[in-house]
Amino acid sequence: MDSNSFMKLVANNDGFEFVIGFRDDVDHYIGGKGNKYWYLVQKGNNQDYYVGTYNNGNWSDVHYVAKSHNIKKSETVSSGTTIAKIVDRAYFYQEKTVGKKALKSKKTAMSHI
């Protein structure tokens, strides 16, 4: 799979998000809606996330660091960083997470993005 596959999944479902949860209370939120895509890692009240916006064939990506949903730091990062992280975790990293007793289901809303 590649970035186009994930973007097609988001477009075909008018948005898509899934969560990979680990026992040590680290959750990975991966999703997209419209032309926005995100990859968020949350541990307790701390969030480290990337938001990519795709317009006219170009990516604009921002990295955020937040605590309790209050942004402490934000910076522009290289074009395509967010979708690269999504593809890496969602597709290529599966073999490292499948079979662990760490998966859980969680419903979420990314209202702060």
PDB file of N, CA and C in Angstrom:
ATOM      1  N   MET A   1       0.837  -1.185   0.000  1.00  0.00           N
ATOM      2  CA  MET A   1       0.000   0.000   0.000  1.00  0.00           C
ATOM      3  C   MET A   1       0.880   1.246   0.000  1.00  0.00           C
ATOM      4  N   ASP A   2       0.282   2.334  -0.464  1.00  0.00           N
ATOM      5  CA  ASP A   2       1.006   3.588  -0.502  1.00  0.00           C
ATOM      6  C   ASP A   2       0.088   4.727  -0.097  1.00  0.00           C
ATOM      7  N   SER A   3       0.583   5.940  -0.199  1.00  0.00           N
ATOM      8  CA  SER A   3      -0.196   7.101   0.222  1.00  0.00           C
ATOM      9  C   SER A   3      -1.497   7.237  -0.569  1.00  0.00           C
ATOM     10  N   ASN A   4      -1.467   6.919  -1.853  1.00  0.00           N
ATOM     11  CA  ASN A   4      -2.688   7.020  -2.660  1.00  0.00           C
ATOM     12  C   ASN A   4      -3.772   6.076  -2.163  1.00  0.00           C
ATOM     13  N   SER A   5      -3.395   4.906  -1.701  1.00  0.00           N
ATOM     14  CA  SER A   5      -4.367   3.949  -1.167  1.00  0.00           C
ATOM     15  C   SER A   5      -5.051   4.501   0.076  1.00  0.00           C
ATOM     16  N   PHE A   6      -4.263   5.091   0.976  1.00  0.00           N
ATOM     17  CA  PHE A   6      -4.858   5.654   2.183  1.00  0.00           C
ATOM     18  C   PHE A   6      -5.741   6.852   1.853  1.00  0.00           C
ATOM     19  N   MET A   7      -5.287   7.697   0.959  1.00  0.00           N
ATOM     20  CA  MET A   7      -6.080   8.861   0.569  1.00  0.00           C
ATOM     21  C   MET A   7      -7.393   8.432  -0.094  1.00  0.00           C
ATOM     22  N   LYS A   8      -7.349   7.359  -0.864  1.00  0.00           N
ATOM     23  CA  LYS A   8      -8.563   6.832  -1.491  1.00  0.00           C
ATOM     24  C   LYS A   8      -9.509   6.287  -0.425  1.00  0.00           C
ATOM     25  N   LEU A   9      -8.980   5.594   0.579  1.00  0.00           N
ATOM     26  CA  LEU A   9      -9.792   5.086   1.684  1.00  0.00           C
ATOM     27  C   LEU A   9     -10.511   6.232   2.394  1.00  0.00           C
ATOM     28  N   VAL A  10      -9.803   7.310   2.649  1.00  0.00           N
ATOM     29  CA  VAL A  10     -10.398   8.483   3.295  1.00  0.00           C
ATOM     30  C   VAL A  10     -11.485   9.087   2.407  1.00  0.00           C
ATOM     31  N   ALA A  11     -11.191   9.265   1.130  1.00  0.00           N
ATOM     32  CA  ALA A  11     -12.154   9.877   0.205  1.00  0.00           C
ATOM     33  C   ALA A  11     -13.403   9.015   0.035  1.00  0.00           C
ATOM     34  N   ASN A  12     -13.225   7.710  -0.114  1.00  0.00           N
ATOM     35  CA  ASN A  12     -14.363   6.804  -0.334  1.00  0.00           C
ATOM     36  C   ASN A  12     -15.296   6.698   0.864  1.00  0.00           C
ATOM     37  N   ASN A  13     -14.790   7.024   2.049  1.00  0.00           N
ATOM     38  CA  ASN A  13     -15.601   6.898   3.263  1.00  0.00           C
ATOM     39  C   ASN A  13     -15.928   8.251   3.899  1.00  0.00           C
ATOM     40  N   ASP A  14     -15.691   9.327   3.173  1.00  0.00           N
ATOM     41  CA  ASP A  14     -15.918  10.677   3.682  1.00  0.00           C
ATOM     42  C   ASP A  14     -15.218  10.863   5.034  1.00  0.00           C
ATOM     43  N   GLY A  15     -14.009  10.334   5.132  1.00  0.00           N
ATOM     44  CA  GLY A  15     -13.220  10.419   6.352  1.00  0.00           C
ATOM     45  C   GLY A  15     -12.990   9.036   6.930  1.00  0.00           C
ATOM     46  N   PHE A  16     -11.877   8.895   7.611  1.00  0.00           N
ATOM     47  CA  PHE A  16     -11.522   7.597   8.193  1.00  0.00           C
ATOM     48  C   PHE A  16     -10.506   7.830   9.304  1.00  0.00           C
ATOM     49  N   GLU A  17     -10.666   7.109  10.396  1.00  0.00           N
ATOM     50  CA  GLU A  17      -9.685   7.164  11.473  1.00  0.00           C
ATOM     51  C   GLU A  17      -9.640   5.823  12.183  1.00  0.00           C
ATOM     52  N   PHE A  18      -8.444   5.421  12.571  1.00  0.00           N
ATOM     53  CA  PHE A  18      -8.325   4.248  13.429  1.00  0.00           C
ATOM     54  C   PHE A  18      -7.275   4.524  14.490  1.00  0.00           C
ATOM     55  N   VAL A  19      -7.351   3.723  15.549  1.00  0.00           N
ATOM     56  CA  VAL A  19      -6.471   3.916  16.693  1.00  0.00           C
ATOM     57  C   VAL A  19      -5.755   2.610  16.972  1.00  0.00           C
ATOM     58  N   ILE A  20      -4.454   2.713  17.217  1.00  0.00           N
ATOM     59  CA  ILE A  20      -3.686   1.581  17.700  1.00  0.00           C
ATOM     60  C   ILE A  20      -3.315   1.926  19.134  1.00  0.00           C
ATOM     61  N   GLY A  21      -3.788   1.119  20.079  1.00  0.00           N
ATOM     62  CA  GLY A  21      -3.523   1.386  21.489  1.00  0.00           C
ATOM     63  C   GLY A  21      -2.571   0.359  22.059  1.00  0.00           C
ATOM     64  N   PHE A  22      -1.661   0.818  22.892  1.00  0.00           N
ATOM     65  CA  PHE A  22      -0.693  -0.059  23.527  1.00  0.00           C
ATOM     66  C   PHE A  22      -0.890  -0.036  25.031  1.00  0.00           C
ATOM     67  N   ARG A  23      -0.487  -1.116  25.690  1.00  0.00           N
ATOM     68  CA  ARG A  23      -0.683  -1.268  27.127  1.00  0.00           C
ATOM     69  C   ARG A  23      -0.052  -0.163  27.956  1.00  0.00           C
ATOM     70  N   ASP A  24       1.016   0.391  27.501  1.00  0.00           N
ATOM     71  CA  ASP A  24       1.666   1.430  28.294  1.00  0.00           C
ATOM     72  C   ASP A  24       0.994   2.788  28.097  1.00  0.00           C
ATOM     73  N   ASP A  25      -0.287   2.756  27.712  1.00  0.00           N
ATOM     74  CA  ASP A  25      -1.111   3.949  27.575  1.00  0.00           C
ATOM     75  C   ASP A  25      -0.612   4.896  26.492  1.00  0.00           C
ATOM     76  N   VAL A  26      -0.076   4.322  25.417  1.00  0.00           N
ATOM     77  CA  VAL A  26       0.308   5.114  24.255  1.00  0.00           C
ATOM     78  C   VAL A  26      -0.655   4.756  23.137  1.00  0.00           C
ATOM     79  N   ASP A  27      -1.309   5.750  22.587  1.00  0.00           N
ATOM     80  CA  ASP A  27      -2.263   5.538  21.503  1.00  0.00           C
ATOM     81  C   ASP A  27      -1.792   6.271  20.260  1.00  0.00           C
ATOM     82  N   HIS A  28      -1.969   5.622  19.111  1.00  0.00           N
ATOM     83  CA  HIS A  28      -1.619   6.206  17.821  1.00  0.00           C
ATOM     84  C   HIS A  28      -2.924   6.399  17.045  1.00  0.00           C
ATOM     85  N   TYR A  29      -3.259   7.651  16.731  1.00  0.00           N
ATOM     86  CA  TYR A  29      -4.454   7.989  15.967  1.00  0.00           C
ATOM     87  C   TYR A  29      -4.011   8.299  14.540  1.00  0.00           C
ATOM     88  N   ILE A  30      -4.621   7.617  13.592  1.00  0.00           N
ATOM     89  CA  ILE A  30      -4.250   7.776  12.189  1.00  0.00           C
ATOM     90  C   ILE A  30      -5.534   8.003  11.401  1.00  0.00           C
ATOM     91  N   GLY A  31      -5.592   9.102  10.657  1.00  0.00           N
ATOM     92  CA  GLY A  31      -6.828   9.340   9.934  1.00  0.00           C
ATOM     93  C   GLY A  31      -6.751  10.497   8.965  1.00  0.00           C
ATOM     94  N   GLY A  32      -7.924  10.787   8.412  1.00  0.00           N
ATOM     95  CA  GLY A  32      -8.043  11.891   7.477  1.00  0.00           C
ATOM     96  C   GLY A  32      -9.493  12.224   7.231  1.00  0.00           C
ATOM     97  N   LYS A  33      -9.731  13.435   6.803  1.00  0.00           N
ATOM     98  CA  LYS A  33     -11.065  13.884   6.417  1.00  0.00           C
ATOM     99  C   LYS A  33     -10.873  15.032   5.450  1.00  0.00           C
ATOM    100  N   GLY A  34     -11.557  14.948   4.318  1.00  0.00           N
ATOM    101  CA  GLY A  34     -11.396  15.986   3.304  1.00  0.00           C
ATOM    102  C   GLY A  34      -9.952  15.998   2.817  1.00  0.00           C
ATOM    103  N   ASN A  35      -9.320  17.142   2.896  1.00  0.00           N
ATOM    104  CA  ASN A  35      -7.930  17.244   2.447  1.00  0.00           C
ATOM    105  C   ASN A  35      -6.937  17.282   3.618  1.00  0.00           C
ATOM    106  N   LYS A  36      -7.411  16.979   4.839  1.00  0.00           N
ATOM    107  CA  LYS A  36      -6.556  16.966   6.022  1.00  0.00           C
ATOM    108  C   LYS A  36      -6.312  15.524   6.468  1.00  0.00           C
ATOM    109  N   TYR A  37      -5.048  15.269   6.843  1.00  0.00           N
ATOM    110  CA  TYR A  37      -4.640  13.941   7.315  1.00  0.00           C
ATOM    111  C   TYR A  37      -3.842  14.136   8.590  1.00  0.00           C
ATOM    112  N   TRP A  38      -3.943  13.175   9.522  1.00  0.00           N
ATOM    113  CA  TRP A  38      -3.221  13.325  10.774  1.00  0.00           C
ATOM    114  C   TRP A  38      -2.615  12.014  11.242  1.00  0.00           C
ATOM    115  N   TYR A  39      -1.569  12.200  11.998  1.00  0.00           N
ATOM    116  CA  TYR A  39      -0.900  11.097  12.701  1.00  0.00           C
ATOM    117  C   TYR A  39      -0.568  11.644  14.089  1.00  0.00           C
ATOM    118  N   LEU A  40      -1.209  11.094  15.123  1.00  0.00           N
ATOM    119  CA  LEU A  40      -1.071  11.601  16.473  1.00  0.00           C
ATOM    120  C   LEU A  40      -0.632  10.477  17.398  1.00  0.00           C
ATOM    121  N   VAL A  41       0.326  10.767  18.250  1.00  0.00           N
ATOM    122  CA  VAL A  41       0.736   9.839  19.293  1.00  0.00           C
ATOM    123  C   VAL A  41       0.402  10.510  20.614  1.00  0.00           C
ATOM    124  N   GLN A  42      -0.390   9.808  21.427  1.00  0.00           N
ATOM    125  CA  GLN A  42      -0.794  10.360  22.717  1.00  0.00           C
ATOM    126  C   GLN A  42      -0.342   9.431  23.837  1.00  0.00           C
ATOM    127  N   LYS A  43       0.299   9.998  24.826  1.00  0.00           N
ATOM    128  CA  LYS A  43       0.690   9.275  26.027  1.00  0.00           C
ATOM    129  C   LYS A  43       0.216  10.106  27.206  1.00  0.00           C
ATOM    130  N   GLY A  44      -0.779   9.608  27.900  1.00  0.00           N
ATOM    131  CA  GLY A  44      -1.381  10.390  28.980  1.00  0.00           C
ATOM    132  C   GLY A  44      -1.978  11.665  28.423  1.00  0.00           C
ATOM    133  N   ASN A  45      -1.581  12.795  28.985  1.00  0.00           N
ATOM    134  CA  ASN A  45      -2.074  14.102  28.522  1.00  0.00           C
ATOM    135  C   ASN A  45      -1.205  14.726  27.446  1.00  0.00           C
ATOM    136  N   ASN A  46      -0.145  14.043  27.044  1.00  0.00           N
ATOM    137  CA  ASN A  46       0.790  14.588  26.065  1.00  0.00           C
ATOM    138  C   ASN A  46       0.461  14.095  24.662  1.00  0.00           C
ATOM    139  N   GLN A  47       0.434  15.014  23.720  1.00  0.00           N
ATOM    140  CA  GLN A  47       0.195  14.671  22.324  1.00  0.00           C
ATOM    141  C   GLN A  47       1.345  15.193  21.466  1.00  0.00           C
ATOM    142  N   ASP A  48       1.735  14.362  20.527  1.00  0.00           N
ATOM    143  CA  ASP A  48       2.752  14.721  19.538  1.00  0.00           C
ATOM    144  C   ASP A  48       2.123  14.340  18.202  1.00  0.00           C
ATOM    145  N   TYR A  49       1.823  15.321  17.365  1.00  0.00           N
ATOM    146  CA  TYR A  49       1.101  14.969  16.147  1.00  0.00           C
ATOM    147  C   TYR A  49       1.488  15.818  14.948  1.00  0.00           C
ATOM    148  N   TYR A  50       1.162  15.240  13.798  1.00  0.00           N
ATOM    149  CA  TYR A  50       1.432  15.847  12.505  1.00  0.00           C
ATOM    150  C   TYR A  50       0.103  15.995  11.777  1.00  0.00           C
ATOM    151  N   VAL A  51      -0.083  17.131  11.145  1.00  0.00           N
ATOM    152  CA  VAL A  51      -1.266  17.370  10.328  1.00  0.00           C
ATOM    153  C   VAL A  51      -0.781  17.784   8.948  1.00  0.00           C
ATOM    154  N   GLY A  52      -1.229  17.046   7.944  1.00  0.00           N
ATOM    155  CA  GLY A  52      -0.881  17.354   6.572  1.00  0.00           C
ATOM    156  C   GLY A  52      -2.115  17.792   5.805  1.00  0.00           C
ATOM    157  N   THR A  53      -1.978  18.825   5.022  1.00  0.00           N
ATOM    158  CA  THR A  53      -3.061  19.310   4.165  1.00  0.00           C
ATOM    159  C   THR A  53      -2.622  19.118   2.723  1.00  0.00           C
ATOM    160  N   TYR A  54      -3.490  18.475   1.934  1.00  0.00           N
ATOM    161  CA  TYR A  54      -3.180  18.177   0.541  1.00  0.00           C
ATOM    162  C   TYR A  54      -4.031  19.051  -0.360  1.00  0.00           C
ATOM    163  N   ASN A  55      -3.390  19.973  -1.088  1.00  0.00           N
ATOM    164  CA  ASN A  55      -4.081  20.874  -2.013  1.00  0.00           C
ATOM    165  C   ASN A  55      -3.348  20.919  -3.347  1.00  0.00           C
ATOM    166  N   ASN A  56      -4.079  20.695  -4.419  1.00  0.00           N
ATOM    167  CA  ASN A  56      -3.538  20.816  -5.774  1.00  0.00           C
ATOM    168  C   ASN A  56      -2.216  20.061  -5.958  1.00  0.00           C
ATOM    169  N   GLY A  57      -2.154  18.849  -5.408  1.00  0.00           N
ATOM    170  CA  GLY A  57      -0.978  18.011  -5.583  1.00  0.00           C
ATOM    171  C   GLY A  57       0.194  18.338  -4.675  1.00  0.00           C
ATOM    172  N   ASN A  58      -0.010  19.257  -3.734  1.00  0.00           N
ATOM    173  CA  ASN A  58       1.067  19.662  -2.825  1.00  0.00           C
ATOM    174  C   ASN A  58       0.672  19.433  -1.372  1.00  0.00           C
ATOM    175  N   TRP A  59       1.657  19.046  -0.566  1.00  0.00           N
ATOM    176  CA  TRP A  59       1.458  18.840   0.872  1.00  0.00           C
ATOM    177  C   TRP A  59       1.990  20.033   1.661  1.00  0.00           C
ATOM    178  N   SER A  60       1.245  20.411   2.688  1.00  0.00           N
ATOM    179  CA  SER A  60       1.691  21.366   3.706  1.00  0.00           C
ATOM    180  C   SER A  60       1.570  20.628   5.028  1.00  0.00           C
ATOM    181  N   ASP A  61       2.670  20.503   5.767  1.00  0.00           N
ATOM    182  CA  ASP A  61       2.680  19.707   6.981  1.00  0.00           C
ATOM    183  C   ASP A  61       3.153  20.522   8.184  1.00  0.00           C
ATOM    184  N   VAL A  62       2.485  20.294   9.313  1.00  0.00           N
ATOM    185  CA  VAL A  62       2.842  20.968  10.553  1.00  0.00           C
ATOM    186  C   VAL A  62       2.947  19.922  11.658  1.00  0.00           C
ATOM    187  N   HIS A  63       3.966  20.058  12.476  1.00  0.00           N
ATOM    188  CA  HIS A  63       4.179  19.198  13.639  1.00  0.00           C
ATOM    189  C   HIS A  63       3.776  19.979  14.884  1.00  0.00           C
ATOM    190  N   TYR A  64       2.965  19.350  15.747  1.00  0.00           N
ATOM    191  CA  TYR A  64       2.500  19.987  16.975  1.00  0.00           C
ATOM    192  C   TYR A  64       2.927  19.159  18.180  1.00  0.00           C
ATOM    193  N   VAL A  65       3.206  19.834  19.259  1.00  0.00           N
ATOM    194  CA  VAL A  65       3.417  19.198  20.555  1.00  0.00           C
ATOM    195  C   VAL A  65       2.428  19.877  21.493  1.00  0.00           C
ATOM    196  N   ALA A  66       1.610  19.056  22.190  1.00  0.00           N
ATOM    197  CA  ALA A  66       0.574  19.619  23.048  1.00  0.00           C
ATOM    198  C   ALA A  66       0.502  18.857  24.367  1.00  0.00           C
ATOM    199  N   LYS A  67      -0.034  19.512  25.358  1.00  0.00           N
ATOM    200  CA  LYS A  67      -0.308  18.897  26.650  1.00  0.00           C
ATOM    201  C   LYS A  67      -1.744  19.257  27.002  1.00  0.00           C
ATOM    202  N   SER A  68      -2.543  18.243  27.295  1.00  0.00           N
ATOM    203  CA  SER A  68      -3.966  18.451  27.603  1.00  0.00           C
ATOM    204  C   SER A  68      -4.652  19.273  26.513  1.00  0.00           C
ATOM    205  N   HIS A  69      -4.331  18.996  25.271  1.00  0.00           N
ATOM    206  CA  HIS A  69      -4.906  19.639  24.083  1.00  0.00           C
ATOM    207  C   HIS A  69      -4.556  21.120  23.956  1.00  0.00           C
ATOM    208  N   ASN A  70      -3.591  21.591  24.734  1.00  0.00           N
ATOM    209  CA  ASN A  70      -3.089  22.954  24.583  1.00  0.00           C
ATOM    210  C   ASN A  70      -1.761  22.881  23.844  1.00  0.00           C
ATOM    211  N   ILE A  71      -1.693  23.519  22.691  1.00  0.00           N
ATOM    212  CA  ILE A  71      -0.496  23.456  21.862  1.00  0.00           C
ATOM    213  C   ILE A  71       0.640  24.223  22.530  1.00  0.00           C
ATOM    214  N   LYS A  72       1.737  23.516  22.746  1.00  0.00           N
ATOM    215  CA  LYS A  72       2.932  24.106  23.351  1.00  0.00           C
ATOM    216  C   LYS A  72       3.948  24.513  22.287  1.00  0.00           C
ATOM    217  N   LYS A  73       3.915  23.825  21.150  1.00  0.00           N
ATOM    218  CA  LYS A  73       4.892  24.081  20.092  1.00  0.00           C
ATOM    219  C   LYS A  73       4.290  23.648  18.762  1.00  0.00           C
ATOM    220  N   SER A  74       4.555  24.412  17.726  1.00  0.00           N
ATOM    221  CA  SER A  74       4.176  24.001  16.374  1.00  0.00           C
ATOM    222  C   SER A  74       5.253  24.485  15.417  1.00  0.00           C
ATOM    223  N   GLU A  75       5.498  23.665  14.403  1.00  0.00           N
ATOM    224  CA  GLU A  75       6.503  24.032  13.407  1.00  0.00           C
ATOM    225  C   GLU A  75       6.168  23.376  12.080  1.00  0.00           C
ATOM    226  N   THR A  76       6.444  24.078  11.011  1.00  0.00           N
ATOM    227  CA  THR A  76       6.281  23.524   9.674  1.00  0.00           C
ATOM    228  C   THR A  76       7.380  22.494   9.453  1.00  0.00           C
ATOM    229  N   VAL A  77       6.995  21.362   8.872  1.00  0.00           N
ATOM    230  CA  VAL A  77       7.960  20.300   8.575  1.00  0.00           C
ATOM    231  C   VAL A  77       7.950  20.021   7.078  1.00  0.00           C
ATOM    232  N   SER A  78       8.822  19.162   6.638  1.00  0.00           N
ATOM    233  CA  SER A  78       8.962  18.856   5.211  1.00  0.00           C
ATOM    234  C   SER A  78       7.647  18.381   4.605  1.00  0.00           C
ATOM    235  N   SER A  79       7.417  18.790   3.393  1.00  0.00           N
ATOM    236  CA  SER A  79       6.235  18.405   2.629  1.00  0.00           C
ATOM    237  C   SER A  79       6.119  16.885   2.552  1.00  0.00           C
ATOM    238  N   GLY A  80       4.953  16.355   2.894  1.00  0.00           N
ATOM    239  CA  GLY A  80       4.704  14.918   2.816  1.00  0.00           C
ATOM    240  C   GLY A  80       5.063  14.131   4.071  1.00  0.00           C
ATOM    241  N   THR A  81       5.519  14.815   5.120  1.00  0.00           N
ATOM    242  CA  THR A  81       5.905  14.124   6.357  1.00  0.00           C
ATOM    243  C   THR A  81       4.740  13.356   6.964  1.00  0.00           C
ATOM    244  N   THR A  82       3.576  13.970   7.033  1.00  0.00           N
ATOM    245  CA  THR A  82       2.417  13.338   7.681  1.00  0.00           C
ATOM    246  C   THR A  82       2.005  12.065   6.955  1.00  0.00           C
ATOM    247  N   ILE A  83       1.832  12.130   5.653  1.00  0.00           N
ATOM    248  CA  ILE A  83       1.388  10.948   4.916  1.00  0.00           C
ATOM    249  C   ILE A  83       2.454   9.860   4.961  1.00  0.00           C
ATOM    250  N   ALA A  84       3.720  10.228   5.000  1.00  0.00           N
ATOM    251  CA  ALA A  84       4.790   9.227   5.119  1.00  0.00           C
ATOM    252  C   ALA A  84       4.692   8.500   6.456  1.00  0.00           C
ATOM    253  N   LYS A  85       4.404   9.224   7.536  1.00  0.00           N
ATOM    254  CA  LYS A  85       4.243   8.596   8.845  1.00  0.00           C
ATOM    255  C   LYS A  85       3.016   7.693   8.867  1.00  0.00           C
ATOM    256  N   ILE A  86       1.943   8.128   8.225  1.00  0.00           N
ATOM    257  CA  ILE A  86       0.724   7.319   8.155  1.00  0.00           C
ATOM    258  C   ILE A  86       1.009   6.004   7.427  1.00  0.00           C
ATOM    259  N   VAL A  87       1.611   6.082   6.273  1.00  0.00           N
ATOM    260  CA  VAL A  87       1.905   4.883   5.483  1.00  0.00           C
ATOM    261  C   VAL A  87       2.834   3.957   6.262  1.00  0.00           C
ATOM    262  N   ASP A  88       3.840   4.522   6.903  1.00  0.00           N
ATOM    263  CA  ASP A  88       4.781   3.709   7.668  1.00  0.00           C
ATOM    264  C   ASP A  88       4.074   2.954   8.790  1.00  0.00           C
ATOM    265  N   ARG A  89       3.267   3.632   9.589  1.00  0.00           N
ATOM    266  CA  ARG A  89       2.610   2.996  10.734  1.00  0.00           C
ATOM    267  C   ARG A  89       1.438   2.112  10.289  1.00  0.00           C
ATOM    268  N   ALA A  90       0.633   2.608   9.373  1.00  0.00           N
ATOM    269  CA  ALA A  90      -0.583   1.885   8.996  1.00  0.00           C
ATOM    270  C   ALA A  90      -0.316   0.640   8.166  1.00  0.00           C
ATOM    271  N   TYR A  91       0.702   0.668   7.337  1.00  0.00           N
ATOM    272  CA  TYR A  91       0.929  -0.453   6.440  1.00  0.00           C
ATOM    273  C   TYR A  91       2.216  -1.212   6.734  1.00  0.00           C
ATOM    274  N   PHE A  92       3.321  -0.518   6.769  1.00  0.00           N
ATOM    275  CA  PHE A  92       4.603  -1.202   6.863  1.00  0.00           C
ATOM    276  C   PHE A  92       4.949  -1.639   8.281  1.00  0.00           C
ATOM    277  N   TYR A  93       4.393  -1.018   9.288  1.00  0.00           N
ATOM    278  CA  TYR A  93       4.732  -1.324  10.671  1.00  0.00           C
ATOM    279  C   TYR A  93       3.845  -2.433  11.248  1.00  0.00           C
ATOM    280  N   GLN A  94       2.849  -2.895  10.487  1.00  0.00           N
ATOM    281  CA  GLN A  94       1.917  -3.902  10.985  1.00  0.00           C
ATOM    282  C   GLN A  94       2.610  -5.143  11.524  1.00  0.00           C
ATOM    283  N   GLU A  95       3.627  -5.600  10.846  1.00  0.00           N
ATOM    284  CA  GLU A  95       4.293  -6.824  11.267  1.00  0.00           C
ATOM    285  C   GLU A  95       4.926  -6.688  12.646  1.00  0.00           C
ATOM    286  N   LYS A  96       5.190  -5.466  13.097  1.00  0.00           N
ATOM    287  CA  LYS A  96       5.773  -5.257  14.415  1.00  0.00           C
ATOM    288  C   LYS A  96       4.713  -5.168  15.505  1.00  0.00           C
ATOM    289  N   THR A  97       3.441  -4.918  15.130  1.00  0.00           N
ATOM    290  CA  THR A  97       2.397  -4.755  16.133  1.00  0.00           C
ATOM    291  C   THR A  97       1.404  -5.903  16.159  1.00  0.00           C
ATOM    292  N   VAL A  98       1.227  -6.616  15.076  1.00  0.00           N
ATOM    293  CA  VAL A  98       0.265  -7.715  15.030  1.00  0.00           C
ATOM    294  C   VAL A  98       0.710  -8.812  15.983  1.00  0.00           C
ATOM    295  N   GLY A  99      -0.246  -9.331  16.742  1.00  0.00           N
ATOM    296  CA  GLY A  99       0.051 -10.422  17.658  1.00  0.00           C
ATOM    297  C   GLY A  99       0.373  -9.968  19.066  1.00  0.00           C
ATOM    298  N   LYS A 100       0.574  -8.675  19.283  1.00  0.00           N
ATOM    299  CA  LYS A 100       0.812  -8.175  20.628  1.00  0.00           C
ATOM    300  C   LYS A 100      -0.531  -8.062  21.336  1.00  0.00           C
ATOM    301  N   LYS A 101      -0.524  -8.223  22.628  1.00  0.00           N
ATOM    302  CA  LYS A 101      -1.756  -8.132  23.416  1.00  0.00           C
ATOM    303  C   LYS A 101      -2.068  -6.684  23.747  1.00  0.00           C
ATOM    304  N   ALA A 102      -1.745  -5.796  22.850  1.00  0.00           N
ATOM    305  CA  ALA A 102      -1.837  -4.377  23.157  1.00  0.00           C
ATOM    306  C   ALA A 102      -2.958  -3.664  22.428  1.00  0.00           C
ATOM    307  N   LEU A 103      -3.610  -4.299  21.498  1.00  0.00           N
ATOM    308  CA  LEU A 103      -4.587  -3.600  20.689  1.00  0.00           C
ATOM    309  C   LEU A 103      -5.881  -3.395  21.447  1.00  0.00           C
ATOM    310  N   LYS A 104      -6.459  -2.214  21.292  1.00  0.00           N
ATOM    311  CA  LYS A 104      -7.766  -1.916  21.878  1.00  0.00           C
ATOM    312  C   LYS A 104      -8.526  -1.013  20.929  1.00  0.00           C
ATOM    313  N   SER A 105      -9.787  -0.930  21.118  1.00  0.00           N
ATOM    314  CA  SER A 105     -10.634  -0.106  20.263  1.00  0.00           C
ATOM    315  C   SER A 105     -11.019   1.157  21.009  1.00  0.00           C
ATOM    316  N   LYS A 106     -11.071   2.258  20.297  1.00  0.00           N
ATOM    317  CA  LYS A 106     -11.422   3.509  20.923  1.00  0.00           C
ATOM    318  C   LYS A 106     -12.040   4.415  19.870  1.00  0.00           C
ATOM    319  N   LYS A 107     -13.086   5.114  20.223  1.00  0.00           N
ATOM    320  CA  LYS A 107     -13.707   6.064  19.313  1.00  0.00           C
ATOM    321  C   LYS A 107     -13.260   7.452  19.731  1.00  0.00           C
ATOM    322  N   THR A 108     -12.979   8.292  18.752  1.00  0.00           N
ATOM    323  CA  THR A 108     -12.439   9.604  19.080  1.00  0.00           C
ATOM    324  C   THR A 108     -12.927  10.658  18.101  1.00  0.00           C
ATOM    325  N   ALA A 109     -12.776  11.878  18.490  1.00  0.00           N
ATOM    326  CA  ALA A 109     -13.036  13.016  17.599  1.00  0.00           C
ATOM    327  C   ALA A 109     -11.828  13.930  17.679  1.00  0.00           C
ATOM    328  N   MET A 110     -11.335  14.331  16.556  1.00  0.00           N
ATOM    329  CA  MET A 110     -10.169  15.201  16.508  1.00  0.00           C
ATOM    330  C   MET A 110     -10.628  16.645  16.354  1.00  0.00           C
ATOM    331  N   SER A 111     -11.392  17.138  17.322  1.00  0.00           N
ATOM    332  CA  SER A 111     -11.968  18.465  17.208  1.00  0.00           C
ATOM    333  C   SER A 111     -10.928  19.571  17.292  1.00  0.00           C
ATOM    334  N   HIS A 112      -9.760  19.298  17.852  1.00  0.00           N
ATOM    335  CA  HIS A 112      -8.763  20.347  17.997  1.00  0.00           C
ATOM    336  C   HIS A 112      -7.916  20.517  16.742  1.00  0.00           C
ATOM    337  N   ILE A 113      -8.132  19.694  15.742  1.00  0.00           N
ATOM    338  CA  ILE A 113      -7.372  19.829  14.495  1.00  0.00           C
ATOM    339  C   ILE A 113      -8.173  20.638  13.511  1.00  0.00           C
TER     340      ILE A 113
END
